[in-house]
Amino acid sequence: MTRRDKINYYLDIAETVAERGTCLRRNFGAIIVKNDQIVSTGYVGAPRGRENCSDLGYCTRAKLNVPRGERYELCRSVHAEMNAIIHAARVDMLGATLYLVGKEMSDGSYVKNACPCSMCTRLIINAGISTVIVRDTQDEYRVIDVAKAWIDQDESLAGGSNY
């Protein structure tokens, strides 16, 4: 029997978490892992008690044809990374790894060039998470060193974003 490598094992779990998402465009699943222990999970969905887009049957951003990475204030959802972070204590996230998987709802494919948005990036930095691993295919992924990619190379100074 061949065992799944540990990174893809955690990405597989994040992908399963994404199945709980309620977005009509893209669903993401995130898990935070420290010392080989899952600290927290999160998926895309409206704040507790509010109706989800999947319940309403429409997405405001899709209706307005808003491009990916823009106008998140129109979105009803809390992002997967945000949900994972708010459900964990900071002490448990210091030096941890966040695993992220996104799926397109239209065809079930992986989100191409998936990356946390600028808001989630700031939360990841302040949570003390040191590494983000993003799935590109069933077996391929990218490893992002938070300090090098998002602190040392601060795209916001030039008016840019991660997308």
C-alpha atoms as a PDB file:
ATOM      1  CA  MET A   1       0.000   0.000   0.000  1.00  0.00           C
ATOM      2  CA  THR A   2       1.277   3.443  -0.917  1.00  0.00           C
ATOM      3  CA  ARG A   3       0.588   6.147   1.634  1.00  0.00           C
ATOM      4  CA  ARG A   4      -0.477   9.598   0.525  1.00  0.00           C
ATOM      5  CA  ASP A   5       2.211  12.202   1.251  1.00  0.00           C
ATOM      6  CA  LYS A   6       1.419  14.332   4.281  1.00  0.00           C
ATOM      7  CA  ILE A   7       0.906  17.626   2.420  1.00  0.00           C
ATOM      8  CA  ASN A   8      -1.638  16.098   0.042  1.00  0.00           C
ATOM      9  CA  TYR A   9      -3.252  14.312   2.985  1.00  0.00           C
ATOM     10  CA  TYR A  10      -3.938  17.681   4.633  1.00  0.00           C
ATOM     11  CA  LEU A  11      -5.000  19.198   1.304  1.00  0.00           C
ATOM     12  CA  ASP A  12      -7.439  16.290   0.853  1.00  0.00           C
ATOM     13  CA  ILE A  13      -8.964  17.153   4.232  1.00  0.00           C
ATOM     14  CA  ALA A  14      -9.226  20.831   3.246  1.00  0.00           C
ATOM     15  CA  GLU A  15     -10.929  19.744   0.019  1.00  0.00           C
ATOM     16  CA  THR A  16     -13.465  17.751   2.009  1.00  0.00           C
ATOM     17  CA  VAL A  17     -14.074  20.783   4.245  1.00  0.00           C
ATOM     18  CA  ALA A  18     -14.780  22.847   1.101  1.00  0.00           C
ATOM     19  CA  GLU A  19     -17.752  20.568   0.354  1.00  0.00           C
ATOM     20  CA  ARG A  20     -19.629  22.338   3.181  1.00  0.00           C
ATOM     21  CA  GLY A  21     -19.271  25.686   1.381  1.00  0.00           C
ATOM     22  CA  THR A  22     -22.364  27.557   0.255  1.00  0.00           C
ATOM     23  CA  CYS A  23     -20.968  29.850  -2.449  1.00  0.00           C
ATOM     24  CA  LEU A  24     -22.449  29.548  -5.923  1.00  0.00           C
ATOM     25  CA  ARG A  25     -19.199  30.633  -7.647  1.00  0.00           C
ATOM     26  CA  ARG A  26     -16.253  29.080  -5.791  1.00  0.00           C
ATOM     27  CA  ASN A  27     -15.943  27.059  -2.632  1.00  0.00           C
ATOM     28  CA  PHE A  28     -12.790  26.934  -0.582  1.00  0.00           C
ATOM     29  CA  GLY A  29     -11.799  24.801   2.348  1.00  0.00           C
ATOM     30  CA  ALA A  30      -9.020  25.699   4.759  1.00  0.00           C
ATOM     31  CA  ILE A  31      -7.390  23.860   7.623  1.00  0.00           C
ATOM     32  CA  ILE A  32      -4.759  25.112  10.012  1.00  0.00           C
ATOM     33  CA  VAL A  33      -2.204  22.559  11.175  1.00  0.00           C
ATOM     34  CA  LYS A  34       0.488  22.914  13.827  1.00  0.00           C
ATOM     35  CA  ASN A  35       2.827  20.153  14.994  1.00  0.00           C
ATOM     36  CA  ASP A  36       0.891  17.612  12.902  1.00  0.00           C
ATOM     37  CA  GLN A  37      -2.364  18.469  14.681  1.00  0.00           C
ATOM     38  CA  ILE A  38      -5.370  20.051  12.996  1.00  0.00           C
ATOM     39  CA  VAL A  39      -6.093  23.235  14.925  1.00  0.00           C
ATOM     40  CA  SER A  40      -9.078  24.544  12.983  1.00  0.00           C
ATOM     41  CA  THR A  41     -11.092  24.251   9.783  1.00  0.00           C
ATOM     42  CA  GLY A  42     -13.101  26.727   7.750  1.00  0.00           C
ATOM     43  CA  TYR A  43     -15.213  26.903   4.631  1.00  0.00           C
ATOM     44  CA  VAL A  44     -17.006  29.623   2.657  1.00  0.00           C
ATOM     45  CA  GLY A  45     -20.412  30.635   3.982  1.00  0.00           C
ATOM     46  CA  ALA A  46     -22.567  33.503   5.185  1.00  0.00           C
ATOM     47  CA  PRO A  47     -22.177  34.636   8.796  1.00  0.00           C
ATOM     48  CA  ARG A  48     -24.054  32.498  11.312  1.00  0.00           C
ATOM     49  CA  GLY A  49     -27.790  33.104  11.188  1.00  0.00           C
ATOM     50  CA  ARG A  50     -27.759  34.780   7.774  1.00  0.00           C
ATOM     51  CA  GLU A  51     -28.995  33.117   4.618  1.00  0.00           C
ATOM     52  CA  ASN A  52     -26.355  31.661   2.316  1.00  0.00           C
ATOM     53  CA  CYS A  53     -26.236  32.349  -1.409  1.00  0.00           C
ATOM     54  CA  SER A  54     -27.040  28.670  -1.997  1.00  0.00           C
ATOM     55  CA  ASP A  55     -30.272  29.174   0.024  1.00  0.00           C
ATOM     56  CA  LEU A  56     -31.136  32.434  -1.760  1.00  0.00           C
ATOM     57  CA  GLY A  57     -30.365  30.992  -5.183  1.00  0.00           C
ATOM     58  CA  TYR A  58     -28.206  33.859  -6.348  1.00  0.00           C
ATOM     59  CA  CYS A  59     -24.824  35.516  -5.867  1.00  0.00           C
ATOM     60  CA  THR A  60     -24.766  39.314  -5.838  1.00  0.00           C
ATOM     61  CA  ARG A  61     -21.213  39.447  -7.228  1.00  0.00           C
ATOM     62  CA  ALA A  62     -22.154  37.058 -10.054  1.00  0.00           C
ATOM     63  CA  LYS A  63     -25.296  39.081 -10.832  1.00  0.00           C
ATOM     64  CA  LEU A  64     -23.159  42.220 -11.132  1.00  0.00           C
ATOM     65  CA  ASN A  65     -20.459  40.346 -13.085  1.00  0.00           C
ATOM     66  CA  VAL A  66     -17.786  41.372 -10.560  1.00  0.00           C
ATOM     67  CA  PRO A  67     -14.364  39.930 -11.505  1.00  0.00           C
ATOM     68  CA  ARG A  68     -12.495  37.593  -9.197  1.00  0.00           C
ATOM     69  CA  GLY A  69     -10.542  39.431  -6.498  1.00  0.00           C
ATOM     70  CA  GLU A  70     -12.691  42.570  -6.528  1.00  0.00           C
ATOM     71  CA  ARG A  71     -15.546  44.089  -4.503  1.00  0.00           C
ATOM     72  CA  TYR A  72     -15.631  41.560  -1.675  1.00  0.00           C
ATOM     73  CA  GLU A  73     -17.799  43.930   0.343  1.00  0.00           C
ATOM     74  CA  LEU A  74     -20.678  42.783  -1.886  1.00  0.00           C
ATOM     75  CA  CYS A  75     -20.149  39.128  -0.963  1.00  0.00           C
ATOM     76  CA  ARG A  76     -22.386  37.544   1.687  1.00  0.00           C
ATOM     77  CA  SER A  77     -19.753  34.987   2.644  1.00  0.00           C
ATOM     78  CA  VAL A  78     -16.967  34.765   5.163  1.00  0.00           C
ATOM     79  CA  HIS A  79     -13.916  33.226   3.448  1.00  0.00           C
ATOM     80  CA  ALA A  80     -12.619  29.791   4.420  1.00  0.00           C
ATOM     81  CA  GLU A  81      -9.325  31.200   5.704  1.00  0.00           C
ATOM     82  CA  MET A  82     -11.179  33.749   7.832  1.00  0.00           C
ATOM     83  CA  ASN A  83     -13.452  31.096   9.334  1.00  0.00           C
ATOM     84  CA  ALA A  84     -10.492  28.843  10.148  1.00  0.00           C
ATOM     85  CA  ILE A  85      -8.656  31.736  11.806  1.00  0.00           C
ATOM     86  CA  ILE A  86     -11.578  32.996  13.897  1.00  0.00           C
ATOM     87  CA  HIS A  87     -12.178  29.491  15.231  1.00  0.00           C
ATOM     88  CA  ALA A  88      -8.626  29.094  16.581  1.00  0.00           C
ATOM     89  CA  ALA A  89      -6.592  30.685  19.338  1.00  0.00           C
ATOM     90  CA  ARG A  90      -3.640  32.763  18.132  1.00  0.00           C
ATOM     91  CA  VAL A  91      -1.223  30.779  20.291  1.00  0.00           C
ATOM     92  CA  ASP A  92      -2.221  27.673  18.333  1.00  0.00           C
ATOM     93  CA  MET A  93      -1.605  29.403  14.987  1.00  0.00           C
ATOM     94  CA  LEU A  94       1.867  30.824  15.679  1.00  0.00           C
ATOM     95  CA  GLY A  95       4.171  29.053  13.210  1.00  0.00           C
ATOM     96  CA  ALA A  96       1.317  26.938  11.832  1.00  0.00           C
ATOM     97  CA  THR A  97       0.528  25.996   8.234  1.00  0.00           C
ATOM     98  CA  LEU A  98      -2.738  26.837   6.491  1.00  0.00           C
ATOM     99  CA  TYR A  99      -3.795  24.393   3.751  1.00  0.00           C
ATOM    100  CA  LEU A 100      -6.184  25.832   1.138  1.00  0.00           C
ATOM    101  CA  VAL A 101      -8.212  24.207  -1.643  1.00  0.00           C
ATOM    102  CA  GLY A 102     -10.647  25.974  -3.977  1.00  0.00           C
ATOM    103  CA  LYS A 103     -13.139  24.421  -6.389  1.00  0.00           C
ATOM    104  CA  GLU A 104     -15.136  26.089  -9.169  1.00  0.00           C
ATOM    105  CA  MET A 105     -18.837  25.421  -8.709  1.00  0.00           C
ATOM    106  CA  SER A 106     -19.506  25.538 -12.460  1.00  0.00           C
ATOM    107  CA  ASP A 107     -17.449  22.464 -13.296  1.00  0.00           C
ATOM    108  CA  GLY A 108     -15.788  21.155 -10.114  1.00  0.00           C
ATOM    109  CA  SER A 109     -12.284  22.028 -11.309  1.00  0.00           C
ATOM    110  CA  TYR A 110      -9.649  23.457  -9.014  1.00  0.00           C
ATOM    111  CA  VAL A 111      -9.528  27.254  -8.907  1.00  0.00           C
ATOM    112  CA  LYS A 112      -6.645  28.282 -11.159  1.00  0.00           C
ATOM    113  CA  ASN A 113      -3.916  30.262  -9.392  1.00  0.00           C
ATOM    114  CA  ALA A 114      -5.891  30.229  -6.157  1.00  0.00           C
ATOM    115  CA  CYS A 115      -4.496  32.508  -3.487  1.00  0.00           C
ATOM    116  CA  PRO A 116      -5.886  34.126  -0.353  1.00  0.00           C
ATOM    117  CA  CYS A 117      -7.371  37.556  -1.054  1.00  0.00           C
ATOM    118  CA  SER A 118      -5.750  40.676   0.363  1.00  0.00           C
ATOM    119  CA  MET A 119      -8.093  40.673   3.377  1.00  0.00           C
ATOM    120  CA  CYS A 120      -7.322  37.032   4.194  1.00  0.00           C
ATOM    121  CA  THR A 121      -3.608  37.652   3.656  1.00  0.00           C
ATOM    122  CA  ARG A 122      -3.659  40.323   6.357  1.00  0.00           C
ATOM    123  CA  LEU A 123      -5.487  37.975   8.722  1.00  0.00           C
ATOM    124  CA  ILE A 124      -3.017  35.164   8.017  1.00  0.00           C
ATOM    125  CA  ILE A 125      -0.103  37.486   8.770  1.00  0.00           C
ATOM    126  CA  ASN A 126      -1.617  38.724  12.042  1.00  0.00           C
ATOM    127  CA  ALA A 127      -2.601  35.199  13.117  1.00  0.00           C
ATOM    128  CA  GLY A 128       1.081  34.235  13.030  1.00  0.00           C
ATOM    129  CA  ILE A 129       0.652  31.536  10.385  1.00  0.00           C
ATOM    130  CA  SER A 130       4.046  30.951   8.755  1.00  0.00           C
ATOM    131  CA  THR A 131       3.195  28.901   5.660  1.00  0.00           C
ATOM    132  CA  VAL A 132       0.258  28.620   3.261  1.00  0.00           C
ATOM    133  CA  ILE A 133      -0.027  25.631   0.939  1.00  0.00           C
ATOM    134  CA  VAL A 134      -2.457  25.925  -1.970  1.00  0.00           C
ATOM    135  CA  ARG A 135      -3.642  23.008  -4.108  1.00  0.00           C
ATOM    136  CA  ASP A 136      -3.310  23.435  -7.887  1.00  0.00           C
ATOM    137  CA  THR A 137      -4.192  19.877  -8.971  1.00  0.00           C
ATOM    138  CA  GLN A 138      -5.013  16.635  -7.178  1.00  0.00           C
ATOM    139  CA  ASP A 139      -1.289  16.100  -6.500  1.00  0.00           C
ATOM    140  CA  GLU A 140       0.394  19.473  -7.122  1.00  0.00           C
ATOM    141  CA  TYR A 141       0.503  22.469  -4.826  1.00  0.00           C
ATOM    142  CA  ARG A 142       2.336  25.708  -4.114  1.00  0.00           C
ATOM    143  CA  VAL A 143       4.065  26.533  -0.845  1.00  0.00           C
ATOM    144  CA  ILE A 144       3.960  30.185   0.209  1.00  0.00           C
ATOM    145  CA  ASP A 145       6.332  31.447   2.886  1.00  0.00           C
ATOM    146  CA  VAL A 146       4.195  34.144   4.523  1.00  0.00           C
ATOM    147  CA  ALA A 147       7.105  36.316   5.691  1.00  0.00           C
ATOM    148  CA  LYS A 148       8.941  36.271   2.361  1.00  0.00           C
ATOM    149  CA  ALA A 149       5.924  36.517   0.056  1.00  0.00           C
ATOM    150  CA  TRP A 150       3.566  38.800   1.943  1.00  0.00           C
ATOM    151  CA  ILE A 151       5.583  40.759   4.490  1.00  0.00           C
ATOM    152  CA  ASP A 152       8.953  41.297   2.811  1.00  0.00           C
ATOM    153  CA  GLN A 153       7.219  41.682  -0.580  1.00  0.00           C
ATOM    154  CA  ASP A 154       4.284  43.909   0.467  1.00  0.00           C
ATOM    155  CA  GLU A 155       2.238  44.274  -2.734  1.00  0.00           C
ATOM    156  CA  SER A 156      -0.108  46.745  -1.047  1.00  0.00           C
ATOM    157  CA  LEU A 157       2.613  49.441  -0.997  1.00  0.00           C
ATOM    158  CA  ALA A 158       2.377  49.608  -4.784  1.00  0.00           C
ATOM    159  CA  GLY A 159      -1.424  49.418  -4.768  1.00  0.00           C
ATOM    160  CA  GLY A 160      -1.457  45.766  -5.825  1.00  0.00           C
ATOM    161  CA  SER A 161      -3.113  42.632  -4.535  1.00  0.00           C
ATOM    162  CA  ASN A 162      -2.275  38.908  -4.371  1.00  0.00           C
ATOM    163  CA  TYR A 163      -4.440  38.161  -7.401  1.00  0.00           C
END
